[in-house]
Amino acid sequence: MTVIRNGMSAALVTGADWRKGSRSGAVGNCVEVSPVSDGRTAIRDSKSPDGPALVFSGQVIRSFTSALRGGVLRMPTAETYLRRLVARGFDFLHPRDARGEIAAVVGVRAHHNVIDVIRLHAEDDAIASRLPADAADVLNPTEVLWQRAGWATDILRDLLALPDDRTPGAFARHRAETSAAGCWVPTAPGRAKWLPATA
């Protein structure tokens, strides 16, 4: 008899009857659960059915579902973050491939002498970048001031946390280009312009 433990291959969980939640999507980005011995529940990633399984006692699962239903665990979703980006002034495009299928969701916002770009290809494939304002191609930039890649919710959160008026290295780059002192002057809500000193 195989001992069922955390981290073992989900393919080795004997007697497992894996099932997805009733609200799971068709793209396979979800978890599957199965009851196992001793009142425990095993969980696996549906995209990696032979990958590691997590095994929890019934009490842990009951506490978790109770916290979810009670609103104690309320993680922002990618949709929540996208709405915040729209409110911040991002414009979104949906480029399509040769078959007419949406290839990605792309958001762009120009501000404070930089351009922020977010590309969402899948739930686990997102790229956020901050580019210089003179970037000729925002999807294939030659210079990047800041960039993160990974899960959509993590990357969207990181992009929202990035200060509008400060980018590591951007100020030094701008000073080197202008070789003059100056300051940022607000021109509209959420926008500013570099004003070089003349005296």
N, C-alpha and C. Protein backbone atom coordinates (compact mmCIF):
# COMPACT_ATOMS: atom_id res chain seq x y z
N MET A 1 0.84 -1.19 0.00
CA MET A 1 0.00 0.00 0.00
C MET A 1 0.89 1.25 0.00
N THR A 2 0.59 2.19 -0.89
CA THR A 2 1.36 3.42 -1.01
C THR A 2 0.90 4.42 0.04
N VAL A 3 1.85 5.01 0.73
CA VAL A 3 1.53 6.04 1.72
C VAL A 3 1.33 7.35 0.96
N ILE A 4 0.19 7.97 1.15
CA ILE A 4 -0.12 9.23 0.46
C ILE A 4 0.41 10.38 1.30
N ARG A 5 1.29 11.18 0.69
CA ARG A 5 1.92 12.28 1.41
C ARG A 5 2.06 13.50 0.51
N ASN A 6 2.27 14.64 1.13
CA ASN A 6 2.47 15.90 0.40
C ASN A 6 3.67 15.80 -0.53
N GLY A 7 3.52 16.32 -1.74
CA GLY A 7 4.62 16.39 -2.69
C GLY A 7 4.80 15.17 -3.56
N MET A 8 4.11 14.09 -3.27
CA MET A 8 4.25 12.91 -4.13
C MET A 8 3.57 13.18 -5.47
N SER A 9 3.96 12.44 -6.49
CA SER A 9 3.35 12.59 -7.80
C SER A 9 1.85 12.31 -7.70
N ALA A 10 1.05 13.19 -8.28
CA ALA A 10 -0.40 13.00 -8.25
C ALA A 10 -0.80 11.71 -8.95
N ALA A 11 0.02 11.25 -9.89
CA ALA A 11 -0.27 10.00 -10.60
C ALA A 11 -0.18 8.79 -9.67
N LEU A 12 0.54 8.95 -8.55
CA LEU A 12 0.72 7.84 -7.62
C LEU A 12 -0.28 7.83 -6.47
N VAL A 13 -1.19 8.81 -6.46
CA VAL A 13 -2.21 8.85 -5.40
C VAL A 13 -3.22 7.75 -5.71
N THR A 14 -3.13 6.65 -4.97
CA THR A 14 -3.97 5.49 -5.25
C THR A 14 -5.44 5.77 -4.95
N GLY A 15 -6.29 5.26 -5.83
CA GLY A 15 -7.74 5.39 -5.64
C GLY A 15 -8.28 6.79 -5.83
N ALA A 16 -7.50 7.68 -6.41
CA ALA A 16 -7.94 9.08 -6.59
C ALA A 16 -9.04 9.17 -7.63
N ASP A 17 -10.03 9.99 -7.34
CA ASP A 17 -11.11 10.29 -8.28
C ASP A 17 -11.10 11.81 -8.48
N TRP A 18 -10.17 12.29 -9.34
CA TRP A 18 -9.95 13.72 -9.50
C TRP A 18 -11.15 14.39 -10.15
N ARG A 19 -11.49 15.57 -9.62
CA ARG A 19 -12.59 16.34 -10.22
C ARG A 19 -12.28 17.83 -10.10
N LYS A 20 -12.79 18.58 -11.09
CA LYS A 20 -12.62 20.04 -11.11
C LYS A 20 -13.86 20.68 -10.51
N GLY A 21 -13.71 21.93 -10.11
CA GLY A 21 -14.85 22.68 -9.62
C GLY A 21 -15.85 22.93 -10.73
N SER A 22 -17.11 23.09 -10.38
CA SER A 22 -18.16 23.30 -11.38
C SER A 22 -18.00 24.62 -12.12
N ARG A 23 -17.22 25.56 -11.57
CA ARG A 23 -17.02 26.85 -12.24
C ARG A 23 -15.69 26.93 -12.98
N SER A 24 -15.03 25.80 -13.16
CA SER A 24 -13.75 25.80 -13.87
C SER A 24 -13.97 26.13 -15.33
N GLY A 25 -12.98 26.82 -15.92
CA GLY A 25 -13.06 27.16 -17.34
C GLY A 25 -12.60 26.01 -18.21
N ALA A 26 -12.70 26.21 -19.51
CA ALA A 26 -12.35 25.16 -20.46
C ALA A 26 -10.87 25.14 -20.81
N VAL A 27 -10.10 26.12 -20.37
CA VAL A 27 -8.69 26.19 -20.77
C VAL A 27 -7.77 25.34 -19.89
N GLY A 28 -8.27 24.75 -18.85
CA GLY A 28 -7.47 23.84 -18.03
C GLY A 28 -6.62 24.49 -16.97
N ASN A 29 -6.81 25.77 -16.70
CA ASN A 29 -6.04 26.46 -15.67
C ASN A 29 -6.77 26.40 -14.34
N CYS A 30 -6.82 25.24 -13.74
CA CYS A 30 -7.54 25.10 -12.48
C CYS A 30 -6.91 23.98 -11.65
N VAL A 31 -7.47 23.77 -10.49
CA VAL A 31 -7.01 22.67 -9.64
C VAL A 31 -8.06 21.58 -9.63
N GLU A 32 -7.62 20.38 -9.31
CA GLU A 32 -8.52 19.24 -9.18
C GLU A 32 -8.34 18.67 -7.78
N VAL A 33 -9.41 18.16 -7.21
CA VAL A 33 -9.37 17.60 -5.87
C VAL A 33 -9.87 16.16 -5.89
N SER A 34 -9.45 15.42 -4.87
CA SER A 34 -9.91 14.05 -4.72
C SER A 34 -9.86 13.68 -3.24
N PRO A 35 -10.90 13.03 -2.75
CA PRO A 35 -10.80 12.50 -1.38
C PRO A 35 -9.79 11.34 -1.37
N VAL A 36 -9.04 11.25 -0.28
CA VAL A 36 -8.10 10.13 -0.12
C VAL A 36 -8.30 9.55 1.28
N SER A 37 -7.45 8.63 1.67
CA SER A 37 -7.62 7.93 2.95
C SER A 37 -7.57 8.87 4.15
N ASP A 38 -8.14 8.41 5.26
CA ASP A 38 -8.13 9.12 6.54
C ASP A 38 -8.83 10.47 6.50
N GLY A 39 -9.83 10.64 5.65
CA GLY A 39 -10.60 11.89 5.59
C GLY A 39 -9.81 13.07 5.05
N ARG A 40 -8.74 12.79 4.33
CA ARG A 40 -7.93 13.87 3.77
C ARG A 40 -8.35 14.16 2.32
N THR A 41 -7.88 15.27 1.80
CA THR A 41 -8.16 15.66 0.43
C THR A 41 -6.85 15.96 -0.28
N ALA A 42 -6.69 15.39 -1.48
CA ALA A 42 -5.51 15.66 -2.30
C ALA A 42 -5.89 16.69 -3.36
N ILE A 43 -4.94 17.56 -3.69
CA ILE A 43 -5.15 18.62 -4.68
C ILE A 43 -4.00 18.57 -5.67
N ARG A 44 -4.34 18.72 -6.98
CA ARG A 44 -3.30 18.76 -8.02
C ARG A 44 -3.62 19.85 -9.03
N ASP A 45 -2.61 20.24 -9.79
CA ASP A 45 -2.74 21.21 -10.85
C ASP A 45 -3.24 20.48 -12.09
N SER A 46 -4.36 20.93 -12.66
CA SER A 46 -4.92 20.23 -13.82
C SER A 46 -3.99 20.26 -15.03
N LYS A 47 -3.10 21.27 -15.12
CA LYS A 47 -2.17 21.35 -16.24
C LYS A 47 -1.01 20.37 -16.08
N SER A 48 -0.81 19.86 -14.87
CA SER A 48 0.30 18.95 -14.61
C SER A 48 -0.23 17.77 -13.79
N PRO A 49 -1.01 16.89 -14.43
CA PRO A 49 -1.66 15.80 -13.68
C PRO A 49 -0.70 14.82 -13.03
N ASP A 50 0.55 14.78 -13.50
CA ASP A 50 1.54 13.90 -12.88
C ASP A 50 2.46 14.66 -11.94
N GLY A 51 2.22 15.95 -11.78
CA GLY A 51 3.04 16.79 -10.90
C GLY A 51 2.73 16.50 -9.44
N PRO A 52 3.28 17.29 -8.53
CA PRO A 52 3.10 17.03 -7.11
C PRO A 52 1.66 17.25 -6.64
N ALA A 53 1.26 16.46 -5.68
CA ALA A 53 -0.05 16.60 -5.05
C ALA A 53 0.13 17.19 -3.66
N LEU A 54 -0.81 18.03 -3.27
CA LEU A 54 -0.85 18.55 -1.90
C LEU A 54 -1.95 17.79 -1.18
N VAL A 55 -1.68 17.39 0.05
CA VAL A 55 -2.65 16.60 0.81
C VAL A 55 -2.95 17.32 2.11
N PHE A 56 -4.26 17.56 2.36
CA PHE A 56 -4.69 18.29 3.56
C PHE A 56 -5.72 17.49 4.32
N SER A 57 -5.73 17.69 5.63
CA SER A 57 -6.75 17.03 6.46
C SER A 57 -8.10 17.69 6.20
N GLY A 58 -9.16 16.98 6.57
CA GLY A 58 -10.51 17.51 6.39
C GLY A 58 -10.71 18.82 7.13
N GLN A 59 -10.12 18.97 8.32
CA GLN A 59 -10.27 20.19 9.10
C GLN A 59 -9.67 21.38 8.38
N VAL A 60 -8.51 21.21 7.76
CA VAL A 60 -7.87 22.30 7.02
C VAL A 60 -8.76 22.72 5.85
N ILE A 61 -9.29 21.77 5.12
CA ILE A 61 -10.16 22.09 3.97
C ILE A 61 -11.42 22.80 4.44
N ARG A 62 -12.03 22.33 5.54
CA ARG A 62 -13.23 22.98 6.05
C ARG A 62 -12.94 24.41 6.50
N SER A 63 -11.81 24.63 7.17
CA SER A 63 -11.44 25.98 7.61
C SER A 63 -11.22 26.90 6.41
N PHE A 64 -10.57 26.38 5.38
CA PHE A 64 -10.29 27.16 4.18
C PHE A 64 -11.58 27.56 3.48
N THR A 65 -12.48 26.59 3.24
CA THR A 65 -13.73 26.91 2.54
C THR A 65 -14.61 27.82 3.39
N SER A 66 -14.58 27.66 4.70
CA SER A 66 -15.35 28.54 5.57
C SER A 66 -14.83 29.98 5.49
N ALA A 67 -13.51 30.13 5.45
CA ALA A 67 -12.90 31.47 5.34
C ALA A 67 -13.24 32.11 4.00
N LEU A 68 -13.25 31.31 2.94
CA LEU A 68 -13.62 31.83 1.62
C LEU A 68 -15.07 32.31 1.60
N ARG A 69 -15.96 31.46 2.10
CA ARG A 69 -17.39 31.82 2.11
C ARG A 69 -17.67 33.02 3.00
N GLY A 70 -16.90 33.15 4.08
CA GLY A 70 -17.11 34.25 5.01
C GLY A 70 -16.44 35.55 4.59
N GLY A 71 -15.73 35.52 3.46
CA GLY A 71 -15.09 36.73 2.97
C GLY A 71 -13.79 37.08 3.67
N VAL A 72 -13.27 36.16 4.48
CA VAL A 72 -12.01 36.43 5.18
C VAL A 72 -10.85 36.41 4.19
N LEU A 73 -10.88 35.47 3.25
CA LEU A 73 -9.86 35.39 2.20
C LEU A 73 -10.43 36.02 0.94
N ARG A 74 -9.95 37.18 0.62
CA ARG A 74 -10.46 37.86 -0.56
C ARG A 74 -9.29 38.37 -1.38
N MET A 75 -8.76 37.51 -2.20
CA MET A 75 -7.62 37.87 -3.04
C MET A 75 -8.12 38.62 -4.27
N PRO A 76 -7.48 39.73 -4.60
CA PRO A 76 -7.87 40.42 -5.84
C PRO A 76 -7.62 39.51 -7.04
N THR A 77 -8.51 39.56 -7.99
CA THR A 77 -8.36 38.77 -9.21
C THR A 77 -7.67 39.62 -10.28
N ALA A 78 -7.27 38.97 -11.37
CA ALA A 78 -6.68 39.70 -12.50
C ALA A 78 -7.68 40.74 -13.01
N GLU A 79 -8.95 40.39 -13.01
CA GLU A 79 -9.98 41.33 -13.47
C GLU A 79 -10.01 42.59 -12.58
N THR A 80 -9.88 42.40 -11.28
CA THR A 80 -9.84 43.54 -10.36
C THR A 80 -8.67 44.46 -10.68
N TYR A 81 -7.49 43.86 -10.89
CA TYR A 81 -6.30 44.65 -11.21
C TYR A 81 -6.45 45.35 -12.56
N LEU A 82 -7.04 44.66 -13.55
CA LEU A 82 -7.24 45.28 -14.86
C LEU A 82 -8.15 46.49 -14.77
N ARG A 83 -9.19 46.40 -13.96
CA ARG A 83 -10.09 47.55 -13.77
C ARG A 83 -9.33 48.73 -13.15
N ARG A 84 -8.41 48.43 -12.23
CA ARG A 84 -7.61 49.50 -11.62
C ARG A 84 -6.70 50.15 -12.65
N LEU A 85 -6.15 49.34 -13.57
CA LEU A 85 -5.31 49.90 -14.62
C LEU A 85 -6.12 50.80 -15.56
N VAL A 86 -7.33 50.37 -15.89
CA VAL A 86 -8.21 51.20 -16.74
C VAL A 86 -8.49 52.52 -16.04
N ALA A 87 -8.77 52.46 -14.74
CA ALA A 87 -9.03 53.69 -13.97
C ALA A 87 -7.79 54.59 -13.93
N ARG A 88 -6.63 54.00 -14.03
CA ARG A 88 -5.38 54.76 -14.01
C ARG A 88 -5.04 55.35 -15.38
N GLY A 89 -5.79 54.96 -16.42
CA GLY A 89 -5.57 55.55 -17.73
C GLY A 89 -4.98 54.63 -18.78
N PHE A 90 -4.91 53.34 -18.52
CA PHE A 90 -4.41 52.40 -19.52
C PHE A 90 -5.44 52.22 -20.63
N ASP A 91 -4.95 52.16 -21.86
CA ASP A 91 -5.78 51.81 -23.01
C ASP A 91 -5.43 50.38 -23.39
N PHE A 92 -6.46 49.55 -23.67
CA PHE A 92 -6.23 48.14 -23.95
C PHE A 92 -6.58 47.79 -25.39
N LEU A 93 -5.75 46.94 -25.97
CA LEU A 93 -5.92 46.41 -27.32
C LEU A 93 -5.98 44.90 -27.23
N HIS A 94 -6.55 44.27 -28.24
CA HIS A 94 -6.64 42.82 -28.29
C HIS A 94 -6.13 42.33 -29.64
N PRO A 95 -4.79 42.27 -29.83
CA PRO A 95 -4.25 41.82 -31.11
C PRO A 95 -4.71 40.40 -31.42
N ARG A 96 -5.00 40.15 -32.69
CA ARG A 96 -5.48 38.83 -33.12
C ARG A 96 -4.46 38.18 -34.05
N ASP A 97 -4.47 36.84 -34.05
CA ASP A 97 -3.57 36.11 -34.94
C ASP A 97 -4.23 35.94 -36.31
N ALA A 98 -3.58 35.18 -37.20
CA ALA A 98 -4.07 35.02 -38.58
C ALA A 98 -5.45 34.36 -38.64
N ARG A 99 -5.81 33.58 -37.62
CA ARG A 99 -7.11 32.90 -37.60
C ARG A 99 -8.21 33.75 -36.96
N GLY A 100 -7.82 34.94 -36.48
CA GLY A 100 -8.80 35.81 -35.84
C GLY A 100 -8.93 35.59 -34.35
N GLU A 101 -8.11 34.71 -33.79
CA GLU A 101 -8.15 34.44 -32.35
C GLU A 101 -7.37 35.54 -31.61
N ILE A 102 -7.82 35.90 -30.41
CA ILE A 102 -7.11 36.89 -29.62
C ILE A 102 -5.77 36.29 -29.19
N ALA A 103 -4.68 36.96 -29.58
CA ALA A 103 -3.34 36.47 -29.27
C ALA A 103 -2.87 36.93 -27.90
N ALA A 104 -3.36 38.09 -27.46
CA ALA A 104 -2.95 38.65 -26.17
C ALA A 104 -3.87 39.80 -25.84
N VAL A 105 -3.78 40.26 -24.61
CA VAL A 105 -4.42 41.50 -24.18
C VAL A 105 -3.27 42.44 -23.84
N VAL A 106 -3.25 43.60 -24.50
CA VAL A 106 -2.13 44.53 -24.32
C VAL A 106 -2.67 45.86 -23.82
N GLY A 107 -2.10 46.34 -22.71
CA GLY A 107 -2.46 47.64 -22.15
C GLY A 107 -1.28 48.59 -22.21
N VAL A 108 -1.54 49.84 -22.56
CA VAL A 108 -0.47 50.84 -22.71
C VAL A 108 -0.90 52.13 -22.04
N ARG A 109 0.04 52.76 -21.35
CA ARG A 109 -0.20 54.07 -20.73
C ARG A 109 1.08 54.89 -20.79
N ALA A 110 1.01 56.06 -21.41
CA ALA A 110 2.14 56.98 -21.46
C ALA A 110 1.94 58.04 -20.38
N HIS A 111 2.99 58.28 -19.58
CA HIS A 111 2.91 59.27 -18.50
C HIS A 111 4.31 59.57 -17.98
N HIS A 112 4.49 60.71 -17.36
CA HIS A 112 5.75 61.07 -16.68
C HIS A 112 7.00 60.72 -17.50
N ASN A 113 6.98 60.95 -18.80
CA ASN A 113 8.12 60.70 -19.67
C ASN A 113 8.49 59.22 -19.77
N VAL A 114 7.52 58.32 -19.51
CA VAL A 114 7.72 56.88 -19.67
C VAL A 114 6.46 56.28 -20.30
N ILE A 115 6.56 55.03 -20.70
CA ILE A 115 5.42 54.27 -21.22
C ILE A 115 5.35 52.97 -20.45
N ASP A 116 4.20 52.68 -19.86
CA ASP A 116 3.98 51.40 -19.18
C ASP A 116 3.21 50.49 -20.12
N VAL A 117 3.64 49.24 -20.21
CA VAL A 117 3.01 48.26 -21.09
C VAL A 117 2.77 46.98 -20.31
N ILE A 118 1.56 46.41 -20.45
CA ILE A 118 1.26 45.11 -19.87
C ILE A 118 0.76 44.21 -21.00
N ARG A 119 1.34 43.00 -21.09
CA ARG A 119 0.92 42.02 -22.09
C ARG A 119 0.47 40.76 -21.36
N LEU A 120 -0.76 40.35 -21.59
CA LEU A 120 -1.32 39.15 -20.97
C LEU A 120 -1.55 38.11 -22.06
N HIS A 121 -0.81 37.00 -21.98
CA HIS A 121 -0.95 35.93 -22.95
C HIS A 121 -1.77 34.78 -22.37
N ALA A 122 -1.64 34.57 -21.07
CA ALA A 122 -2.37 33.52 -20.37
C ALA A 122 -2.34 33.86 -18.89
N GLU A 123 -3.06 33.10 -18.11
CA GLU A 123 -3.12 33.32 -16.67
C GLU A 123 -1.74 33.28 -16.02
N ASP A 124 -0.86 32.43 -16.57
CA ASP A 124 0.47 32.29 -16.01
C ASP A 124 1.56 32.89 -16.90
N ASP A 125 1.17 33.74 -17.84
CA ASP A 125 2.13 34.32 -18.79
C ASP A 125 1.80 35.79 -19.03
N ALA A 126 2.35 36.65 -18.19
CA ALA A 126 2.15 38.09 -18.32
C ALA A 126 3.50 38.79 -18.23
N ILE A 127 3.63 39.90 -18.96
CA ILE A 127 4.86 40.69 -18.94
C ILE A 127 4.47 42.16 -18.80
N ALA A 128 5.06 42.81 -17.80
CA ALA A 128 4.86 44.25 -17.61
C ALA A 128 6.20 44.94 -17.78
N SER A 129 6.19 46.09 -18.46
CA SER A 129 7.43 46.83 -18.71
C SER A 129 7.19 48.31 -18.55
N ARG A 130 8.23 49.00 -18.15
CA ARG A 130 8.25 50.47 -18.18
C ARG A 130 9.36 50.85 -19.15
N LEU A 131 9.01 51.65 -20.15
CA LEU A 131 9.92 52.01 -21.23
C LEU A 131 10.14 53.51 -21.27
N PRO A 132 11.25 53.94 -21.88
CA PRO A 132 11.43 55.37 -22.09
C PRO A 132 10.34 55.91 -23.02
N ALA A 133 10.00 57.17 -22.89
CA ALA A 133 8.93 57.77 -23.69
C ALA A 133 9.22 57.74 -25.18
N ASP A 134 10.50 57.64 -25.55
CA ASP A 134 10.83 57.66 -26.98
C ASP A 134 10.92 56.25 -27.58
N ALA A 135 10.40 55.23 -26.90
CA ALA A 135 10.42 53.86 -27.42
C ALA A 135 9.64 53.81 -28.73
N ALA A 136 10.29 53.30 -29.77
CA ALA A 136 9.65 53.26 -31.09
C ALA A 136 8.66 52.10 -31.21
N ASP A 137 8.94 50.97 -30.55
CA ASP A 137 8.08 49.78 -30.63
C ASP A 137 7.86 49.27 -29.21
N VAL A 138 6.68 49.50 -28.67
CA VAL A 138 6.43 49.14 -27.27
C VAL A 138 6.34 47.63 -27.05
N LEU A 139 6.11 46.85 -28.12
CA LEU A 139 6.05 45.40 -27.96
C LEU A 139 7.42 44.74 -28.12
N ASN A 140 8.35 45.42 -28.76
CA ASN A 140 9.72 44.93 -28.93
C ASN A 140 10.70 46.05 -28.63
N PRO A 141 10.77 46.48 -27.37
CA PRO A 141 11.60 47.64 -27.04
C PRO A 141 13.09 47.32 -27.08
N THR A 142 13.87 48.35 -27.38
CA THR A 142 15.32 48.19 -27.35
C THR A 142 15.89 48.55 -25.98
N GLU A 143 15.13 49.32 -25.19
CA GLU A 143 15.55 49.69 -23.84
C GLU A 143 14.37 49.53 -22.89
N VAL A 144 14.64 48.94 -21.73
CA VAL A 144 13.61 48.72 -20.72
C VAL A 144 14.10 49.30 -19.40
N LEU A 145 13.27 50.11 -18.75
CA LEU A 145 13.64 50.70 -17.46
C LEU A 145 13.27 49.79 -16.30
N TRP A 146 12.22 49.00 -16.48
CA TRP A 146 11.72 48.08 -15.43
C TRP A 146 10.93 47.01 -16.13
N GLN A 147 11.02 45.75 -15.67
CA GLN A 147 10.25 44.68 -16.30
C GLN A 147 10.05 43.53 -15.33
N ARG A 148 8.87 42.92 -15.39
CA ARG A 148 8.55 41.73 -14.61
C ARG A 148 7.76 40.77 -15.51
N ALA A 149 7.92 39.46 -15.27
CA ALA A 149 7.18 38.45 -16.02
C ALA A 149 6.75 37.34 -15.07
N GLY A 150 5.61 36.73 -15.35
CA GLY A 150 5.12 35.64 -14.50
C GLY A 150 3.61 35.55 -14.52
N TRP A 151 3.03 35.15 -13.38
CA TRP A 151 1.58 35.00 -13.25
C TRP A 151 0.90 36.37 -13.36
N ALA A 152 -0.22 36.41 -14.04
CA ALA A 152 -0.92 37.66 -14.32
C ALA A 152 -1.21 38.46 -13.05
N THR A 153 -1.77 37.82 -12.03
CA THR A 153 -2.14 38.58 -10.83
C THR A 153 -0.91 39.19 -10.16
N ASP A 154 0.20 38.46 -10.12
CA ASP A 154 1.42 38.98 -9.51
C ASP A 154 1.98 40.16 -10.30
N ILE A 155 2.00 40.02 -11.62
CA ILE A 155 2.58 41.05 -12.47
C ILE A 155 1.71 42.30 -12.49
N LEU A 156 0.40 42.13 -12.55
CA LEU A 156 -0.52 43.28 -12.51
C LEU A 156 -0.37 44.03 -11.19
N ARG A 157 -0.25 43.29 -10.08
CA ARG A 157 -0.07 43.92 -8.77
C ARG A 157 1.24 44.70 -8.73
N ASP A 158 2.33 44.10 -9.27
CA ASP A 158 3.62 44.79 -9.29
C ASP A 158 3.56 46.06 -10.12
N LEU A 159 2.88 46.01 -11.24
CA LEU A 159 2.76 47.19 -12.10
C LEU A 159 1.99 48.30 -11.40
N LEU A 160 0.91 47.94 -10.71
CA LEU A 160 0.13 48.94 -9.98
C LEU A 160 0.92 49.54 -8.82
N ALA A 161 1.84 48.76 -8.25
CA ALA A 161 2.64 49.25 -7.12
C ALA A 161 3.81 50.13 -7.56
N LEU A 162 4.13 50.11 -8.85
CA LEU A 162 5.25 50.90 -9.35
C LEU A 162 4.90 52.38 -9.28
N PRO A 163 5.72 53.20 -8.62
CA PRO A 163 5.40 54.63 -8.51
C PRO A 163 5.35 55.29 -9.88
N ASP A 164 4.37 56.16 -10.07
CA ASP A 164 4.24 56.86 -11.35
C ASP A 164 5.42 57.78 -11.63
N ASP A 165 5.87 58.46 -10.61
CA ASP A 165 6.85 59.53 -10.84
C ASP A 165 8.29 59.13 -10.57
N ARG A 166 8.53 57.85 -10.23
CA ARG A 166 9.90 57.42 -9.96
C ARG A 166 10.14 56.05 -10.57
N THR A 167 11.15 55.95 -11.41
CA THR A 167 11.56 54.67 -11.97
C THR A 167 13.04 54.50 -11.72
N PRO A 168 13.47 53.39 -11.14
CA PRO A 168 14.90 53.21 -10.90
C PRO A 168 15.69 53.42 -12.20
N GLY A 169 16.65 54.34 -12.16
CA GLY A 169 17.49 54.60 -13.31
C GLY A 169 16.95 55.60 -14.30
N ALA A 170 15.65 55.87 -14.29
CA ALA A 170 15.07 56.76 -15.30
C ALA A 170 15.51 58.20 -15.09
N PHE A 171 15.58 58.64 -13.84
CA PHE A 171 15.95 60.03 -13.57
C PHE A 171 17.40 60.27 -13.99
N ALA A 172 18.29 59.32 -13.66
CA ALA A 172 19.70 59.46 -14.04
C ALA A 172 19.84 59.49 -15.56
N ARG A 173 19.05 58.66 -16.25
CA ARG A 173 19.09 58.63 -17.71
C ARG A 173 18.65 59.97 -18.26
N HIS A 174 17.57 60.53 -17.72
CA HIS A 174 17.06 61.80 -18.19
C HIS A 174 18.07 62.92 -17.94
N ARG A 175 18.69 62.93 -16.77
CA ARG A 175 19.68 63.96 -16.45
C ARG A 175 20.87 63.88 -17.40
N ALA A 176 21.27 62.65 -17.74
CA ALA A 176 22.40 62.49 -18.65
C ALA A 176 22.06 63.02 -20.04
N GLU A 177 20.80 62.83 -20.45
CA GLU A 177 20.39 63.30 -21.76
C GLU A 177 20.27 64.82 -21.81
N THR A 178 19.75 65.42 -20.75
CA THR A 178 19.51 66.86 -20.78
C THR A 178 20.72 67.65 -20.32
N SER A 179 21.57 67.04 -19.49
CA SER A 179 22.75 67.67 -18.89
C SER A 179 22.41 69.02 -18.27
N ALA A 180 21.18 69.18 -17.83
CA ALA A 180 20.76 70.43 -17.19
C ALA A 180 19.90 70.10 -16.00
N ALA A 181 19.91 70.98 -15.01
CA ALA A 181 19.05 70.81 -13.85
C ALA A 181 17.63 71.18 -14.23
N GLY A 182 16.67 70.77 -13.43
CA GLY A 182 15.27 71.09 -13.70
C GLY A 182 14.39 70.39 -12.71
N CYS A 183 13.11 70.31 -13.02
CA CYS A 183 12.17 69.63 -12.13
C CYS A 183 10.95 69.17 -12.93
N TRP A 184 10.20 68.26 -12.32
CA TRP A 184 8.94 67.80 -12.91
C TRP A 184 7.85 68.79 -12.53
N VAL A 185 7.05 69.21 -13.49
CA VAL A 185 5.98 70.16 -13.26
C VAL A 185 4.65 69.48 -13.59
N PRO A 186 3.69 69.44 -12.64
CA PRO A 186 2.40 68.82 -12.95
C PRO A 186 1.69 69.57 -14.08
N THR A 187 1.16 68.81 -15.05
CA THR A 187 0.44 69.42 -16.17
C THR A 187 -1.04 69.04 -16.18
N ALA A 188 -1.37 67.92 -15.57
CA ALA A 188 -2.75 67.43 -15.48
C ALA A 188 -2.77 66.38 -14.38
N PRO A 189 -3.95 65.99 -13.89
CA PRO A 189 -3.99 64.95 -12.86
C PRO A 189 -3.28 63.67 -13.33
N GLY A 190 -2.27 63.25 -12.56
CA GLY A 190 -1.53 62.04 -12.89
C GLY A 190 -0.48 62.23 -13.97
N ARG A 191 -0.24 63.45 -14.43
CA ARG A 191 0.72 63.70 -15.50
C ARG A 191 1.64 64.85 -15.12
N ALA A 192 2.87 64.81 -15.65
CA ALA A 192 3.85 65.86 -15.39
C ALA A 192 4.79 65.96 -16.58
N LYS A 193 5.52 67.08 -16.64
CA LYS A 193 6.46 67.32 -17.72
C LYS A 193 7.77 67.79 -17.12
N TRP A 194 8.91 67.34 -17.70
CA TRP A 194 10.22 67.77 -17.23
C TRP A 194 10.46 69.19 -17.72
N LEU A 195 10.77 70.08 -16.82
CA LEU A 195 11.05 71.48 -17.14
C LEU A 195 12.50 71.76 -16.79
N PRO A 196 13.39 71.87 -17.81
CA PRO A 196 14.80 72.15 -17.50
C PRO A 196 14.97 73.57 -16.97
N ALA A 197 15.94 73.72 -16.08
CA ALA A 197 16.24 75.05 -15.55
C ALA A 197 16.95 75.87 -16.61
N THR A 198 16.61 77.13 -16.70
CA THR A 198 17.23 78.01 -17.70
C THR A 198 18.21 78.99 -17.08
N ALA A 199 18.25 79.09 -15.78
CA ALA A 199 19.16 80.06 -15.16
C ALA A 199 20.12 79.35 -14.24
